[in-house]
Each structure stands twice: as C-alpha cells, then as structure tokens.
C-alpha cells in the first residue's frame, strides 16, 4: 500500500514532454491571435470611412454605428 501511494502523482517523462509541447503550442496561438486582429483588412476601410464622415455635416449620425 505504501508503494502505491508513493507512485501517485508521478508523471512519466513522455507525458512531461507532451505537456510542454502543448503549452508552447497554446502560447503561440494566444500570441498570434491579437496580432492577426491588429492586421485586419477591414480596419483600413473603417478608418477611411471615419475620416470621410468627419467632413460631413451629419457626422454624429454617420459615426453612431
């Protein structure tokens, strides 16, 4: 019984490598997501529209959305 209790909680070397690899992959995905959001194609059009809307007399209504 005592030897079974000592063995609980021990993780094999292979499982540690799998966990480390999965952690690195998840970290990479989390790092890539904000970068992709910053480089969205539609943001350029939104900025152009905002500049256009500022030249109009009904600016508040145009920029409400």
Protein backbone atom coordinates (compact mmCIF):
# COMPACT_ATOMS: atom_id res chain seq x y z
CA UNK A 1 0.00 0.00 0.00
CA UNK A 2 2.75 2.45 0.85
CA UNK A 3 4.48 1.96 -2.51
CA UNK A 4 1.25 2.70 -4.40
CA UNK A 5 0.81 5.96 -2.53
CA UNK A 6 4.38 6.99 -3.33
CA UNK A 7 3.84 6.37 -7.04
CA UNK A 8 0.72 8.52 -7.26
CA UNK A 9 1.30 11.94 -8.70
CA UNK A 10 4.45 10.96 -10.56
CA UNK A 11 4.34 11.71 -14.26
CA UNK A 12 6.38 9.95 -16.89
CA UNK A 13 8.99 11.83 -18.90
CA UNK A 14 6.99 11.38 -22.10
CA UNK A 15 3.91 12.98 -20.57
CA UNK A 16 6.02 15.93 -19.42
CA UNK A 17 7.25 16.45 -22.99
CA UNK A 18 3.69 16.25 -24.33
CA UNK A 19 2.54 18.80 -21.75
CA UNK A 20 5.45 21.12 -22.54
CA UNK A 21 4.80 20.90 -26.28
CA UNK A 22 1.08 21.54 -25.84
CA UNK A 23 1.85 24.53 -23.62
CA UNK A 24 4.15 26.04 -26.24
CA UNK A 25 1.57 25.49 -28.99
CA UNK A 26 -1.21 27.10 -26.95
CA UNK A 27 1.04 30.04 -26.07
CA UNK A 28 1.85 30.54 -29.76
CA UNK A 29 -1.84 30.53 -30.66
CA UNK A 30 -2.58 33.06 -27.94
CA UNK A 31 0.25 35.28 -29.17
CA UNK A 32 -0.82 35.11 -32.82
CA UNK A 33 -4.49 35.96 -32.24
CA UNK A 34 -4.03 39.62 -31.17
CA UNK A 35 -1.51 40.21 -33.95
CA UNK A 36 -3.96 38.92 -36.55
CA UNK A 37 -6.66 41.16 -35.11
CA UNK A 38 -4.42 44.22 -35.42
CA UNK A 39 -3.80 43.47 -39.08
CA UNK A 40 -7.44 43.05 -40.14
CA UNK A 41 -8.18 44.19 -43.67
CA UNK A 42 -11.44 45.95 -42.76
CA UNK A 43 -9.79 48.31 -40.27
CA UNK A 44 -8.31 50.35 -43.10
CA UNK A 45 -11.79 50.85 -44.56
CA UNK A 46 -13.20 51.80 -41.17
CA UNK A 47 -10.56 54.50 -40.73
CA UNK A 48 -11.20 55.84 -44.22
CA UNK A 49 -14.93 55.99 -43.52
CA UNK A 50 -14.35 57.78 -40.22
CA UNK A 51 -12.23 60.41 -41.99
CA UNK A 52 -14.91 60.78 -44.66
CA UNK A 53 -17.65 61.07 -42.04
CA UNK A 54 -15.80 63.89 -40.28
CA UNK A 55 -16.16 66.02 -43.42
CA UNK A 56 -19.94 65.64 -43.43
CA UNK A 57 -22.42 67.83 -41.52
CA UNK A 58 -24.23 64.75 -40.16
CA UNK A 59 -21.07 63.28 -38.60
CA UNK A 60 -22.65 62.11 -35.33
CA UNK A 61 -25.29 60.08 -37.13
CA UNK A 62 -22.76 58.51 -39.50
CA UNK A 63 -20.36 57.51 -36.72
CA UNK A 64 -23.07 56.25 -34.34
CA UNK A 65 -22.63 52.66 -35.52
